[in-house]
Amino acid sequence: MEADELLVRVAGGDQKAFETLYGLVSGPVYGLVRRVVRDPAQSEEVAQEVLLELWRSAARFDPGRGSALSWVLTLAHRRAVDRVRSARAAGERERREAARHGSGPAFDQVTEEVEAGLEREWVRRCLDRLTALQRQSVTLAYYDGYTYREVAERLSLPLGTVKTRMRDGLTRLRDCLGSAA
């Protein structure tokens, strides 16, 4: 049974279908979340939140707008980005509070900021190595939050072409970023 059909059954409350769907998507969900969040423990937590949300909101899935896997991964990506933003906001609050009390930033905070800056720079360099169409597709999908179908519409390209460019671009990014580790 395919993920699309399983998700429709999950929307009807089918627990067996959810178990099967969980087995199909938990690995890709964790992998995507891990790449965004970076911290293994937080990644596990976010992945579990996504899978719980999947159970609760399966009825919102519209097969006409894309595949079940792309919908689930979109949920995962959004939740992971939310977690990163939340952590960043908490760090900002801590910095403001420390500044208010006259103490400078903690050593760990400085280290994290430097590492985050280096990671952003490495990602920029790797994005620059993609073709213009790959970079545009990846940017629209992962930075602007568009679905593959919406990227295809915005670029006036067939969906299959966008999927191919995304796959090739993400493969090149993975290889480039892997050499940074």
C-alpha atoms as a PDB file:
ATOM      1  CA  MET A   1       0.000   0.000   0.000  1.00  0.00           C
ATOM      2  CA  GLU A   2       1.307   3.463  -0.889  1.00  0.00           C
ATOM      3  CA  ALA A   3       1.706   6.370   1.508  1.00  0.00           C
ATOM      4  CA  ASP A   4      -1.124   8.334  -0.149  1.00  0.00           C
ATOM      5  CA  GLU A   5      -3.638   5.550   0.461  1.00  0.00           C
ATOM      6  CA  LEU A   6      -2.309   4.949   3.967  1.00  0.00           C
ATOM      7  CA  LEU A   7      -2.687   8.607   4.849  1.00  0.00           C
ATOM      8  CA  VAL A   8      -6.303   8.610   3.680  1.00  0.00           C
ATOM      9  CA  ARG A   9      -6.933   5.597   5.928  1.00  0.00           C
ATOM     10  CA  VAL A  10      -5.168   7.302   8.828  1.00  0.00           C
ATOM     11  CA  ALA A  11      -7.516  10.261   8.364  1.00  0.00           C
ATOM     12  CA  GLY A  12     -10.325   7.770   9.009  1.00  0.00           C
ATOM     13  CA  GLY A  13      -8.702   6.655  12.271  1.00  0.00           C
ATOM     14  CA  ASP A  14      -7.100   3.416  10.996  1.00  0.00           C
ATOM     15  CA  GLN A  15      -4.336   2.638  13.542  1.00  0.00           C
ATOM     16  CA  LYS A  16      -2.834  -0.208  11.488  1.00  0.00           C
ATOM     17  CA  ALA A  17      -2.496   2.143   8.512  1.00  0.00           C
ATOM     18  CA  PHE A  18      -0.755   4.641  10.813  1.00  0.00           C
ATOM     19  CA  GLU A  19       1.699   1.971  11.998  1.00  0.00           C
ATOM     20  CA  THR A  20       2.553   1.145   8.388  1.00  0.00           C
ATOM     21  CA  LEU A  21       2.772   4.820   7.416  1.00  0.00           C
ATOM     22  CA  TYR A  22       4.950   5.496  10.474  1.00  0.00           C
ATOM     23  CA  GLY A  23       7.362   2.807   9.269  1.00  0.00           C
ATOM     24  CA  LEU A  24       7.496   4.387   5.808  1.00  0.00           C
ATOM     25  CA  VAL A  25       7.990   8.018   6.802  1.00  0.00           C
ATOM     26  CA  SER A  26       9.732   8.067  10.188  1.00  0.00           C
ATOM     27  CA  GLY A  27      13.213   7.646   8.674  1.00  0.00           C
ATOM     28  CA  PRO A  28      12.872  10.404   6.060  1.00  0.00           C
ATOM     29  CA  VAL A  29      11.181  12.693   8.614  1.00  0.00           C
ATOM     30  CA  TYR A  30      13.999  12.244  11.142  1.00  0.00           C
ATOM     31  CA  GLY A  31      16.642  12.692   8.434  1.00  0.00           C
ATOM     32  CA  LEU A  32      15.145  15.967   7.237  1.00  0.00           C
ATOM     33  CA  VAL A  33      14.631  17.284  10.756  1.00  0.00           C
ATOM     34  CA  ARG A  34      18.181  16.286  11.736  1.00  0.00           C
ATOM     35  CA  ARG A  35      19.633  18.258   8.815  1.00  0.00           C
ATOM     36  CA  VAL A  36      17.723  21.375   9.898  1.00  0.00           C
ATOM     37  CA  VAL A  37      17.895  21.137  13.700  1.00  0.00           C
ATOM     38  CA  ARG A  38      21.356  19.485  13.887  1.00  0.00           C
ATOM     39  CA  ASP A  39      20.994  18.361  17.522  1.00  0.00           C
ATOM     40  CA  PRO A  40      20.139  14.616  17.673  1.00  0.00           C
ATOM     41  CA  ALA A  41      17.999  14.778  20.831  1.00  0.00           C
ATOM     42  CA  GLN A  42      16.016  17.787  19.620  1.00  0.00           C
ATOM     43  CA  SER A  43      15.691  16.170  16.196  1.00  0.00           C
ATOM     44  CA  GLU A  44      14.114  13.078  17.754  1.00  0.00           C
ATOM     45  CA  GLU A  45      11.713  15.260  19.703  1.00  0.00           C
ATOM     46  CA  VAL A  46      10.701  17.280  16.635  1.00  0.00           C
ATOM     47  CA  ALA A  47      10.300  14.111  14.544  1.00  0.00           C
ATOM     48  CA  GLN A  48       7.963  12.667  17.180  1.00  0.00           C
ATOM     49  CA  GLU A  49       5.971  15.917  17.201  1.00  0.00           C
ATOM     50  CA  VAL A  50       5.630  15.708  13.417  1.00  0.00           C
ATOM     51  CA  LEU A  51       4.436  12.103  13.539  1.00  0.00           C
ATOM     52  CA  LEU A  52       1.925  12.964  16.253  1.00  0.00           C
ATOM     53  CA  GLU A  53       0.726  15.891  14.156  1.00  0.00           C
ATOM     54  CA  LEU A  54       0.440  13.500  11.221  1.00  0.00           C
ATOM     55  CA  TRP A  55      -1.972  11.328  13.217  1.00  0.00           C
ATOM     56  CA  ARG A  56      -4.008  14.337  14.336  1.00  0.00           C
ATOM     57  CA  SER A  57      -4.154  16.203  11.036  1.00  0.00           C
ATOM     58  CA  ALA A  58      -4.177  13.456   8.398  1.00  0.00           C
ATOM     59  CA  ALA A  59      -7.590  14.660   7.231  1.00  0.00           C
ATOM     60  CA  ARG A  60      -5.959  17.895   5.984  1.00  0.00           C
ATOM     61  CA  PHE A  61      -3.958  15.952   3.377  1.00  0.00           C
ATOM     62  CA  ASP A  62      -5.155  16.714  -0.161  1.00  0.00           C
ATOM     63  CA  PRO A  63      -3.907  14.133  -2.698  1.00  0.00           C
ATOM     64  CA  GLY A  64      -4.633  16.632  -5.470  1.00  0.00           C
ATOM     65  CA  ARG A  65      -1.890  18.953  -4.217  1.00  0.00           C
ATOM     66  CA  GLY A  66       0.941  16.430  -4.062  1.00  0.00           C
ATOM     67  CA  SER A  67       2.111  13.146  -2.658  1.00  0.00           C
ATOM     68  CA  ALA A  68       1.686  12.085   0.948  1.00  0.00           C
ATOM     69  CA  LEU A  69       5.443  11.910   1.450  1.00  0.00           C
ATOM     70  CA  SER A  70       5.972  15.465   0.208  1.00  0.00           C
ATOM     71  CA  TRP A  71       3.147  16.661   2.490  1.00  0.00           C
ATOM     72  CA  VAL A  72       4.645  14.874   5.500  1.00  0.00           C
ATOM     73  CA  LEU A  73       8.125  16.198   4.744  1.00  0.00           C
ATOM     74  CA  THR A  74       6.716  19.703   4.380  1.00  0.00           C
ATOM     75  CA  LEU A  75       5.192  19.340   7.862  1.00  0.00           C
ATOM     76  CA  ALA A  76       8.568  18.119   9.137  1.00  0.00           C
ATOM     77  CA  HIS A  77      10.508  20.940   7.515  1.00  0.00           C
ATOM     78  CA  ARG A  78       8.177  23.593   8.884  1.00  0.00           C
ATOM     79  CA  ARG A  79       8.264  22.127  12.395  1.00  0.00           C
ATOM     80  CA  ALA A  80      12.082  21.888  12.284  1.00  0.00           C
ATOM     81  CA  VAL A  81      12.429  25.486  11.115  1.00  0.00           C
ATOM     82  CA  ASP A  82      10.026  26.553  13.881  1.00  0.00           C
ATOM     83  CA  ARG A  83      12.239  24.795  16.445  1.00  0.00           C
ATOM     84  CA  VAL A  84      15.377  26.508  15.136  1.00  0.00           C
ATOM     85  CA  ARG A  85      13.648  29.895  15.175  1.00  0.00           C
ATOM     86  CA  SER A  86      12.373  29.265  18.697  1.00  0.00           C
ATOM     87  CA  ALA A  87      15.868  28.369  19.895  1.00  0.00           C
ATOM     88  CA  ARG A  88      17.276  31.445  18.199  1.00  0.00           C
ATOM     89  CA  ALA A  89      14.644  33.665  19.845  1.00  0.00           C
ATOM     90  CA  ALA A  90      15.426  32.123  23.244  1.00  0.00           C
ATOM     91  CA  GLY A  91      19.106  32.879  22.692  1.00  0.00           C
ATOM     92  CA  GLU A  92      18.257  36.467  21.800  1.00  0.00           C
ATOM     93  CA  ARG A  93      16.216  36.824  24.990  1.00  0.00           C
ATOM     94  CA  GLU A  94      19.131  35.465  27.031  1.00  0.00           C
ATOM     95  CA  ARG A  95      21.547  37.902  25.358  1.00  0.00           C
ATOM     96  CA  ARG A  96      19.245  40.849  26.038  1.00  0.00           C
ATOM     97  CA  GLU A  97      18.856  39.772  29.660  1.00  0.00           C
ATOM     98  CA  ALA A  98      22.611  39.360  30.057  1.00  0.00           C
ATOM     99  CA  ALA A  99      23.195  42.787  28.517  1.00  0.00           C
ATOM    100  CA  ARG A 100      20.618  44.285  30.847  1.00  0.00           C
ATOM    101  CA  HIS A 101      22.484  42.900  33.849  1.00  0.00           C
ATOM    102  CA  GLY A 102      25.844  44.050  32.548  1.00  0.00           C
ATOM    103  CA  SER A 103      27.419  40.659  31.859  1.00  0.00           C
ATOM    104  CA  GLY A 104      28.867  39.800  28.486  1.00  0.00           C
ATOM    105  CA  PRO A 105      27.881  36.799  26.390  1.00  0.00           C
ATOM    106  CA  ALA A 106      28.868  33.394  27.705  1.00  0.00           C
ATOM    107  CA  PHE A 107      31.744  31.582  26.027  1.00  0.00           C
ATOM    108  CA  ASP A 108      29.386  28.859  24.762  1.00  0.00           C
ATOM    109  CA  GLN A 109      27.152  31.468  23.186  1.00  0.00           C
ATOM    110  CA  VAL A 110      30.060  33.068  21.329  1.00  0.00           C
ATOM    111  CA  THR A 111      31.221  29.658  20.148  1.00  0.00           C
ATOM    112  CA  GLU A 112      27.733  28.762  18.898  1.00  0.00           C
ATOM    113  CA  GLU A 113      27.415  32.063  17.042  1.00  0.00           C
ATOM    114  CA  VAL A 114      30.757  31.550  15.318  1.00  0.00           C
ATOM    115  CA  GLU A 115      29.868  27.979  14.360  1.00  0.00           C
ATOM    116  CA  ALA A 116      26.455  29.054  13.036  1.00  0.00           C
ATOM    117  CA  GLY A 117      28.112  31.776  10.954  1.00  0.00           C
ATOM    118  CA  LEU A 118      30.596  29.307   9.516  1.00  0.00           C
ATOM    119  CA  GLU A 119      27.800  26.852   8.692  1.00  0.00           C
ATOM    120  CA  ARG A 120      25.768  29.573   6.940  1.00  0.00           C
ATOM    121  CA  GLU A 121      28.817  30.572   4.909  1.00  0.00           C
ATOM    122  CA  TRP A 122      29.482  26.951   3.908  1.00  0.00           C
ATOM    123  CA  VAL A 123      25.858  26.492   2.827  1.00  0.00           C
ATOM    124  CA  ARG A 124      26.084  29.702   0.744  1.00  0.00           C
ATOM    125  CA  ARG A 125      29.236  28.423  -0.945  1.00  0.00           C
ATOM    126  CA  CYS A 126      27.612  25.087  -1.693  1.00  0.00           C
ATOM    127  CA  LEU A 127      24.473  26.791  -3.051  1.00  0.00           C
ATOM    128  CA  ASP A 128      26.706  28.868  -5.325  1.00  0.00           C
ATOM    129  CA  ARG A 129      28.034  25.626  -6.862  1.00  0.00           C
ATOM    130  CA  LEU A 130      24.563  24.634  -8.089  1.00  0.00           C
ATOM    131  CA  THR A 131      23.244  25.569 -11.496  1.00  0.00           C
ATOM    132  CA  ALA A 132      21.038  28.651 -11.498  1.00  0.00           C
ATOM    133  CA  LEU A 133      17.867  26.564 -11.917  1.00  0.00           C
ATOM    134  CA  GLN A 134      18.860  24.117  -9.173  1.00  0.00           C
ATOM    135  CA  ARG A 135      19.679  26.977  -6.797  1.00  0.00           C
ATOM    136  CA  GLN A 136      16.420  28.762  -7.626  1.00  0.00           C
ATOM    137  CA  SER A 137      14.360  25.597  -7.107  1.00  0.00           C
ATOM    138  CA  VAL A 138      16.076  24.684  -3.818  1.00  0.00           C
ATOM    139  CA  THR A 139      15.803  28.245  -2.524  1.00  0.00           C
ATOM    140  CA  LEU A 140      12.090  28.481  -3.313  1.00  0.00           C
ATOM    141  CA  ALA A 141      11.366  25.111  -1.691  1.00  0.00           C
ATOM    142  CA  TYR A 142      13.596  25.174   1.388  1.00  0.00           C
ATOM    143  CA  TYR A 143      14.016  28.843   2.195  1.00  0.00           C
ATOM    144  CA  ASP A 144      10.701  30.246   0.954  1.00  0.00           C
ATOM    145  CA  GLY A 145       8.602  27.191   1.906  1.00  0.00           C
ATOM    146  CA  TYR A 146       6.985  26.455  -1.465  1.00  0.00           C
ATOM    147  CA  THR A 147       5.895  22.938  -2.422  1.00  0.00           C
ATOM    148  CA  TYR A 148       7.432  21.369  -5.524  1.00  0.00           C
ATOM    149  CA  ARG A 149       4.178  22.025  -7.385  1.00  0.00           C
ATOM    150  CA  GLU A 150       4.259  25.712  -6.359  1.00  0.00           C
ATOM    151  CA  VAL A 151       7.920  25.959  -7.405  1.00  0.00           C
ATOM    152  CA  ALA A 152       6.981  24.528 -10.815  1.00  0.00           C
ATOM    153  CA  GLU A 153       4.188  27.086 -11.174  1.00  0.00           C
ATOM    154  CA  ARG A 154       6.426  30.001 -10.123  1.00  0.00           C
ATOM    155  CA  LEU A 155       9.157  28.953 -12.566  1.00  0.00           C
ATOM    156  CA  SER A 156       6.694  27.996 -15.341  1.00  0.00           C
ATOM    157  CA  LEU A 157       8.269  24.549 -15.599  1.00  0.00           C
ATOM    158  CA  PRO A 158       6.806  21.030 -15.636  1.00  0.00           C
ATOM    159  CA  LEU A 159       6.618  19.423 -12.180  1.00  0.00           C
ATOM    160  CA  GLY A 160       8.874  16.566 -13.295  1.00  0.00           C
ATOM    161  CA  THR A 161      11.594  19.012 -14.355  1.00  0.00           C
ATOM    162  CA  VAL A 162      11.466  20.747 -10.980  1.00  0.00           C
ATOM    163  CA  LYS A 163      11.631  17.413  -9.144  1.00  0.00           C
ATOM    164  CA  THR A 164      14.672  16.376 -11.199  1.00  0.00           C
ATOM    165  CA  ARG A 165      16.429  19.703 -10.591  1.00  0.00           C
ATOM    166  CA  MET A 166      15.620  19.495  -6.882  1.00  0.00           C
ATOM    167  CA  ARG A 167      16.931  15.934  -6.613  1.00  0.00           C
ATOM    168  CA  ASP A 168      20.124  16.773  -8.484  1.00  0.00           C
ATOM    169  CA  GLY A 169      20.600  20.025  -6.565  1.00  0.00           C
ATOM    170  CA  LEU A 170      20.030  18.389  -3.174  1.00  0.00           C
ATOM    171  CA  THR A 171      22.442  15.591  -4.100  1.00  0.00           C
ATOM    172  CA  ARG A 172      25.098  18.153  -5.009  1.00  0.00           C
ATOM    173  CA  LEU A 173      24.420  20.074  -1.788  1.00  0.00           C
ATOM    174  CA  ARG A 174      24.689  16.895   0.283  1.00  0.00           C
ATOM    175  CA  ASP A 175      28.004  16.023  -1.355  1.00  0.00           C
ATOM    176  CA  CYS A 176      29.348  19.550  -0.914  1.00  0.00           C
ATOM    177  CA  LEU A 177      28.210  19.871   2.695  1.00  0.00           C
ATOM    178  CA  GLY A 178      29.461  16.359   3.439  1.00  0.00           C
ATOM    179  CA  SER A 179      32.963  17.413   2.438  1.00  0.00           C
ATOM    180  CA  ALA A 180      32.720  20.203   5.028  1.00  0.00           C
ATOM    181  CA  ALA A 181      32.226  17.787   7.907  1.00  0.00           C
END
